Amino acid sequence: MATPNSIEEYLAALPEEQRAALAKLRKTISAAAPKATEKISYAMPAFEQDGRFLVSYAAFKDHCSFYPASAAVMEALGEELEPYFSGKGTLRFQAHEPIPAALVRKIVRVRLQENTARRPSG
């Protein structure tokens, strides 16, 4: 896939099952972080808030991935993430078995807290 220019272009290029799973993931992330903005980063859909990376996601031939890219998320939610953990900061899932929306909301919440804590004071 050539680097997409928009999230819609990225999603439109996917098979239906992956498109539906990632569209639902996108909606869940957006609801959990309503002030976040979307962009394409590293050829994947991503969210950022206050100029800081929040999360991203992508589709691959045999799976989808969700990238909180955060040791804090892994520490805070380790046991819940175990079925999806695929490597440093990567969660892998099948389009027909997405990460539960409640867990996605928890992940986004931890990332928002982590980014807020990193913000310089004053």
C-alpha atoms as a PDB file:
ATOM      1  CA  MET A   1       0.000   0.000   0.000  1.00  0.00           C
ATOM      2  CA  ALA A   2       1.347   3.429  -0.914  1.00  0.00           C
ATOM      3  CA  THR A   3       1.523   5.929   1.931  1.00  0.00           C
ATOM      4  CA  PRO A   4      -2.025   7.204   2.394  1.00  0.00           C
ATOM      5  CA  ASN A   5      -2.787  10.915   2.602  1.00  0.00           C
ATOM      6  CA  SER A   6      -5.663  10.536   5.060  1.00  0.00           C
ATOM      7  CA  ILE A   7      -7.192   8.097   7.525  1.00  0.00           C
ATOM      8  CA  GLU A   8     -10.141   7.626   5.166  1.00  0.00           C
ATOM      9  CA  GLU A   9      -7.782   6.711   2.313  1.00  0.00           C
ATOM     10  CA  TYR A  10      -5.954   4.246   4.576  1.00  0.00           C
ATOM     11  CA  LEU A  11      -9.185   2.555   5.672  1.00  0.00           C
ATOM     12  CA  ALA A  12     -10.664   2.512   2.163  1.00  0.00           C
ATOM     13  CA  ALA A  13      -7.733   0.412   0.919  1.00  0.00           C
ATOM     14  CA  LEU A  14      -8.382  -2.381   3.442  1.00  0.00           C
ATOM     15  CA  PRO A  15     -10.473  -5.534   3.096  1.00  0.00           C
ATOM     16  CA  GLU A  16     -13.959  -5.093   4.615  1.00  0.00           C
ATOM     17  CA  GLU A  17     -13.358  -7.044   7.837  1.00  0.00           C
ATOM     18  CA  GLN A  18     -10.187  -5.117   8.700  1.00  0.00           C
ATOM     19  CA  ARG A  19     -11.755  -1.802   7.662  1.00  0.00           C
ATOM     20  CA  ALA A  20     -14.724  -2.421   9.977  1.00  0.00           C
ATOM     21  CA  ALA A  21     -12.504  -3.467  12.907  1.00  0.00           C
ATOM     22  CA  LEU A  22     -10.198  -0.467  12.554  1.00  0.00           C
ATOM     23  CA  ALA A  23     -13.078   1.965  12.017  1.00  0.00           C
ATOM     24  CA  LYS A  24     -14.576   0.748  15.309  1.00  0.00           C
ATOM     25  CA  LEU A  25     -11.185   1.070  17.024  1.00  0.00           C
ATOM     26  CA  ARG A  26     -10.831   4.597  15.615  1.00  0.00           C
ATOM     27  CA  LYS A  27     -14.266   5.570  16.948  1.00  0.00           C
ATOM     28  CA  THR A  28     -13.460   4.164  20.406  1.00  0.00           C
ATOM     29  CA  ILE A  29     -10.139   6.025  20.572  1.00  0.00           C
ATOM     30  CA  SER A  30     -11.750   9.251  19.397  1.00  0.00           C
ATOM     31  CA  ALA A  31     -14.471   8.995  22.053  1.00  0.00           C
ATOM     32  CA  ALA A  32     -11.894   8.277  24.773  1.00  0.00           C
ATOM     33  CA  ALA A  33      -9.697  11.206  23.702  1.00  0.00           C
ATOM     34  CA  PRO A  34     -12.062  13.788  22.178  1.00  0.00           C
ATOM     35  CA  LYS A  35      -9.375  16.507  22.090  1.00  0.00           C
ATOM     36  CA  ALA A  36      -6.919  14.313  20.181  1.00  0.00           C
ATOM     37  CA  THR A  37      -6.228  14.922  16.514  1.00  0.00           C
ATOM     38  CA  GLU A  38      -5.704  12.328  13.820  1.00  0.00           C
ATOM     39  CA  LYS A  39      -2.930  12.101  11.293  1.00  0.00           C
ATOM     40  CA  ILE A  40      -0.941   9.635   9.258  1.00  0.00           C
ATOM     41  CA  SER A  41       2.353   8.854  10.973  1.00  0.00           C
ATOM     42  CA  TYR A  42       4.793   6.212   9.717  1.00  0.00           C
ATOM     43  CA  ALA A  43       2.171   5.344   7.053  1.00  0.00           C
ATOM     44  CA  MET A  44      -0.375   4.425   9.772  1.00  0.00           C
ATOM     45  CA  PRO A  45      -3.374   6.176  11.303  1.00  0.00           C
ATOM     46  CA  ALA A  46      -2.344   7.844  14.555  1.00  0.00           C
ATOM     47  CA  PHE A  47      -3.743  10.067  17.265  1.00  0.00           C
ATOM     48  CA  GLU A  48      -1.882  12.813  19.043  1.00  0.00           C
ATOM     49  CA  GLN A  49      -2.860  15.311  21.691  1.00  0.00           C
ATOM     50  CA  ASP A  50      -1.063  18.524  22.582  1.00  0.00           C
ATOM     51  CA  GLY A  51       1.589  17.679  19.996  1.00  0.00           C
ATOM     52  CA  ARG A  52       2.410  14.317  21.615  1.00  0.00           C
ATOM     53  CA  PHE A  53       1.895  10.846  20.171  1.00  0.00           C
ATOM     54  CA  LEU A  54      -1.017   9.056  21.792  1.00  0.00           C
ATOM     55  CA  VAL A  55      -1.686   5.786  19.907  1.00  0.00           C
ATOM     56  CA  SER A  56      -1.695   4.385  16.389  1.00  0.00           C
ATOM     57  CA  TYR A  57      -3.090   1.339  14.640  1.00  0.00           C
ATOM     58  CA  ALA A  58      -2.579  -0.601  11.434  1.00  0.00           C
ATOM     59  CA  ALA A  59      -3.714  -3.566   9.376  1.00  0.00           C
ATOM     60  CA  PHE A  60      -1.412  -6.248   8.051  1.00  0.00           C
ATOM     61  CA  LYS A  61      -1.977  -9.320   5.922  1.00  0.00           C
ATOM     62  CA  ASP A  62      -2.832 -11.684   8.795  1.00  0.00           C
ATOM     63  CA  HIS A  63      -3.632  -9.380  11.727  1.00  0.00           C
ATOM     64  CA  CYS A  64      -4.242  -5.859  12.989  1.00  0.00           C
ATOM     65  CA  SER A  65      -2.063  -4.005  15.476  1.00  0.00           C
ATOM     66  CA  PHE A  66      -2.683  -1.314  18.047  1.00  0.00           C
ATOM     67  CA  TYR A  67       0.308   0.697  19.222  1.00  0.00           C
ATOM     68  CA  PRO A  68       0.101   2.401  22.589  1.00  0.00           C
ATOM     69  CA  ALA A  69       3.933   2.305  22.432  1.00  0.00           C
ATOM     70  CA  SER A  70       4.225   2.738  26.150  1.00  0.00           C
ATOM     71  CA  ALA A  71       5.858   0.851  28.991  1.00  0.00           C
ATOM     72  CA  ALA A  72       3.432   2.638  31.348  1.00  0.00           C
ATOM     73  CA  VAL A  73       0.457   1.046  29.575  1.00  0.00           C
ATOM     74  CA  MET A  74       2.078  -2.377  29.730  1.00  0.00           C
ATOM     75  CA  GLU A  75       2.810  -1.946  33.454  1.00  0.00           C
ATOM     76  CA  ALA A  76      -0.638  -0.574  34.324  1.00  0.00           C
ATOM     77  CA  LEU A  77      -2.658  -3.068  32.295  1.00  0.00           C
ATOM     78  CA  GLY A  78      -0.224  -5.957  31.785  1.00  0.00           C
ATOM     79  CA  GLU A  79      -2.488  -8.849  32.683  1.00  0.00           C
ATOM     80  CA  GLU A  80      -5.388  -7.525  30.592  1.00  0.00           C
ATOM     81  CA  LEU A  81      -3.067  -6.964  27.633  1.00  0.00           C
ATOM     82  CA  GLU A  82      -1.406 -10.368  27.780  1.00  0.00           C
ATOM     83  CA  PRO A  83      -3.638 -12.027  25.139  1.00  0.00           C
ATOM     84  CA  TYR A  84      -2.739  -9.237  22.685  1.00  0.00           C
ATOM     85  CA  PHE A  85       0.879  -8.500  23.599  1.00  0.00           C
ATOM     86  CA  SER A  86       3.169  -8.946  20.625  1.00  0.00           C
ATOM     87  CA  GLY A  87       6.288  -7.014  21.525  1.00  0.00           C
ATOM     88  CA  LYS A  88       7.467  -3.746  22.935  1.00  0.00           C
ATOM     89  CA  GLY A  89       4.471  -1.415  22.767  1.00  0.00           C
ATOM     90  CA  THR A  90       2.553  -3.541  20.255  1.00  0.00           C
ATOM     91  CA  LEU A  91      -0.804  -5.230  20.689  1.00  0.00           C
ATOM     92  CA  ARG A  92      -1.921  -7.641  17.979  1.00  0.00           C
ATOM     93  CA  PHE A  93      -5.461  -8.829  17.271  1.00  0.00           C
ATOM     94  CA  GLN A  94      -7.581 -10.431  14.595  1.00  0.00           C
ATOM     95  CA  ALA A  95     -10.202  -8.302  12.842  1.00  0.00           C
ATOM     96  CA  HIS A  96     -12.929 -10.769  13.876  1.00  0.00           C
ATOM     97  CA  GLU A  97     -11.701 -10.673  17.523  1.00  0.00           C
ATOM     98  CA  PRO A  98     -10.923  -7.011  18.243  1.00  0.00           C
ATOM     99  CA  ILE A  99      -9.532  -5.665  21.490  1.00  0.00           C
ATOM    100  CA  PRO A 100     -12.567  -4.932  23.704  1.00  0.00           C
ATOM    101  CA  ALA A 101     -13.633  -1.275  23.613  1.00  0.00           C
ATOM    102  CA  ALA A 102     -13.434  -1.037  27.416  1.00  0.00           C
ATOM    103  CA  LEU A 103      -9.772  -2.087  27.298  1.00  0.00           C
ATOM    104  CA  VAL A 104      -9.046   0.373  24.474  1.00  0.00           C
ATOM    105  CA  ARG A 105     -10.564   3.157  26.610  1.00  0.00           C
ATOM    106  CA  LYS A 106      -8.333   2.140  29.554  1.00  0.00           C
ATOM    107  CA  ILE A 107      -5.252   2.163  27.318  1.00  0.00           C
ATOM    108  CA  VAL A 108      -6.067   5.622  25.979  1.00  0.00           C
ATOM    109  CA  ARG A 109      -6.708   6.885  29.516  1.00  0.00           C
ATOM    110  CA  VAL A 110      -3.281   5.656  30.674  1.00  0.00           C
ATOM    111  CA  ARG A 111      -1.608   7.237  27.627  1.00  0.00           C
ATOM    112  CA  LEU A 112      -3.341  10.566  28.282  1.00  0.00           C
ATOM    113  CA  GLN A 113      -2.191  10.485  31.913  1.00  0.00           C
ATOM    114  CA  GLU A 114       1.325   9.562  30.846  1.00  0.00           C
ATOM    115  CA  ASN A 115       1.505  12.446  28.368  1.00  0.00           C
ATOM    116  CA  THR A 116       0.090  14.892  30.921  1.00  0.00           C
ATOM    117  CA  ALA A 117       2.728  13.834  33.442  1.00  0.00           C
ATOM    118  CA  ARG A 118       5.474  14.447  30.859  1.00  0.00           C
ATOM    119  CA  ARG A 119       4.299  17.976  30.122  1.00  0.00           C
ATOM    120  CA  PRO A 120       6.749  20.573  31.424  1.00  0.00           C
ATOM    121  CA  SER A 121       5.297  22.690  34.198  1.00  0.00           C
ATOM    122  CA  GLY A 122       5.148  26.461  34.036  1.00  0.00           C
END
